[in-house]
C-alpha atoms as a PDB file:
ATOM      1  CA  MET A   1      42.333 132.435  40.282  1.00  0.00           C
ATOM      2  CA  ARG A   2      45.105 130.075  41.209  1.00  0.00           C
ATOM      3  CA  THR A   3      44.879 126.392  40.405  1.00  0.00           C
ATOM      4  CA  ILE A   4      47.002 123.270  40.525  1.00  0.00           C
ATOM      5  CA  VAL A   5      47.509 121.321  37.322  1.00  0.00           C
ATOM      6  CA  ASP A   6      49.540 118.148  36.767  1.00  0.00           C
ATOM      7  CA  ILE A   7      51.653 118.483  33.640  1.00  0.00           C
ATOM      8  CA  PRO A   8      53.994 115.709  32.457  1.00  0.00           C
ATOM      9  CA  ASP A   9      57.729 116.467  32.671  1.00  0.00           C
ATOM     10  CA  GLN A  10      58.198 116.391  28.894  1.00  0.00           C
ATOM     11  CA  GLN A  11      55.500 119.039  28.438  1.00  0.00           C
ATOM     12  CA  LEU A  12      56.997 121.138  31.239  1.00  0.00           C
ATOM     13  CA  ASP A  13      60.384 121.048  29.513  1.00  0.00           C
ATOM     14  CA  SER A  14      58.808 122.100  26.223  1.00  0.00           C
ATOM     15  CA  LEU A  15      56.840 124.804  28.026  1.00  0.00           C
ATOM     16  CA  ALA A  16      59.996 126.148  29.685  1.00  0.00           C
ATOM     17  CA  THR A  17      61.706 126.345  26.285  1.00  0.00           C
ATOM     18  CA  LEU A  18      58.731 128.158  24.788  1.00  0.00           C
ATOM     19  CA  CYS A  19      58.532 130.607  27.688  1.00  0.00           C
ATOM     20  CA  GLN A  20      62.215 131.427  27.442  1.00  0.00           C
ATOM     21  CA  ARG A  21      61.985 131.936  23.672  1.00  0.00           C
ATOM     22  CA  GLU A  22      58.869 134.129  23.977  1.00  0.00           C
ATOM     23  CA  GLY A  23      60.087 135.958  27.075  1.00  0.00           C
ATOM     24  CA  ILE A  24      56.910 135.184  29.016  1.00  0.00           C
ATOM     25  CA  SER A  25      56.104 133.516  32.315  1.00  0.00           C
ATOM     26  CA  ARG A  26      54.745 129.992  32.582  1.00  0.00           C
ATOM     27  CA  ALA A  27      51.469 131.438  33.867  1.00  0.00           C
ATOM     28  CA  GLU A  28      51.166 133.662  30.791  1.00  0.00           C
ATOM     29  CA  ALA A  29      51.825 130.710  28.504  1.00  0.00           C
ATOM     30  CA  VAL A  30      49.126 128.670  30.238  1.00  0.00           C
ATOM     31  CA  ARG A  31      46.660 131.589  30.061  1.00  0.00           C
ATOM     32  CA  ARG A  32      47.316 131.895  26.319  1.00  0.00           C
ATOM     33  CA  ALA A  33      46.886 128.151  25.839  1.00  0.00           C
ATOM     34  CA  VAL A  34      43.563 128.135  27.704  1.00  0.00           C
ATOM     35  CA  ALA A  35      42.332 131.157  25.717  1.00  0.00           C
ATOM     36  CA  SER A  36      43.311 129.493  22.445  1.00  0.00           C
ATOM     37  CA  TYR A  37      41.561 126.261  23.418  1.00  0.00           C
ATOM     38  CA  LEU A  38      38.379 128.069  24.421  1.00  0.00           C
ATOM     39  CA  ASP A  39      38.370 130.067  21.176  1.00  0.00           C
ATOM     40  CA  SER A  40      38.708 126.885  19.139  1.00  0.00           C
ATOM     41  CA  GLN A  41      35.814 125.247  20.986  1.00  0.00           C
ATOM     42  CA  THR A  42      33.540 128.278  20.646  1.00  0.00           C
ATOM     43  CA  ASP A  43      34.098 128.499  16.885  1.00  0.00           C
ATOM     44  CA  THR A  44      33.090 124.854  16.471  1.00  0.00           C
ATOM     45  CA  ALA A  45      29.632 125.499  17.895  1.00  0.00           C
ATOM     46  CA  ASP A  46      29.032 128.284  15.377  1.00  0.00           C
ATOM     47  CA  ASP A  47      30.220 126.115  12.488  1.00  0.00           C
ATOM     48  CA  ASP A  48      27.939 123.255  13.515  1.00  0.00           C
ATOM     49  CA  ALA A  49      24.865 125.492  13.337  1.00  0.00           C
ATOM     50  CA  TYR A  50      25.681 127.039   9.950  1.00  0.00           C
ATOM     51  CA  GLY A  51      23.220 125.880   7.281  1.00  0.00           C
ATOM     52  CA  ILE A  52      21.080 123.911   9.718  1.00  0.00           C
ATOM     53  CA  TRP A  53      17.853 125.333   8.247  1.00  0.00           C
ATOM     54  CA  ARG A  54      18.610 124.692   4.546  1.00  0.00           C
ATOM     55  CA  LYS A  55      16.700 121.390   4.325  1.00  0.00           C
ATOM     56  CA  ARG A  56      13.488 122.912   5.668  1.00  0.00           C
ATOM     57  CA  LYS A  57      10.650 123.507   3.231  1.00  0.00           C
ATOM     58  CA  VAL A  58       9.680 126.838   4.792  1.00  0.00           C
ATOM     59  CA  ALA A  59      11.789 129.989   5.091  1.00  0.00           C
ATOM     60  CA  GLY A  60      13.044 130.776   8.568  1.00  0.00           C
ATOM     61  CA  VAL A  61      11.252 134.121   8.846  1.00  0.00           C
ATOM     62  CA  ALA A  62       7.939 132.627   7.661  1.00  0.00           C
ATOM     63  CA  TYR A  63       8.248 129.866  10.242  1.00  0.00           C
ATOM     64  CA  GLN A  64       9.024 132.410  12.953  1.00  0.00           C
ATOM     65  CA  ARG A  65       5.965 134.500  12.054  1.00  0.00           C
ATOM     66  CA  LYS A  66       3.764 131.413  12.091  1.00  0.00           C
ATOM     67  CA  LEU A  67       4.930 130.512  15.584  1.00  0.00           C
ATOM     68  CA  ARG A  68       4.400 134.050  16.826  1.00  0.00           C
ATOM     69  CA  THR A  69       0.783 134.067  15.665  1.00  0.00           C
ATOM     70  CA  GLU A  70       0.176 131.434  18.341  1.00  0.00           C
ATOM     71  CA  TRP A  71       1.096 134.003  20.987  1.00  0.00           C
ATOM     72  CA  SER A  72      -1.902 136.181  20.174  1.00  0.00           C
ATOM     73  CA  ARG A  73      -4.454 133.385  20.472  1.00  0.00           C
END
């Protein structure tokens, strides 16, 4: 997909330097930046959920089984 993005001149200059040093196109640099950003955001969601059940008084599997017994009623 093609898109139009406004990037400040200072960032464009820095991007051009990076692209020349890495030997990649501007489009490739932007694709890598977007991929890196998305990876960083995805990892945060996993970290936020880690340990969320630890303050509960019942084990997760026991709670799950209790809820599932309601299905057979």
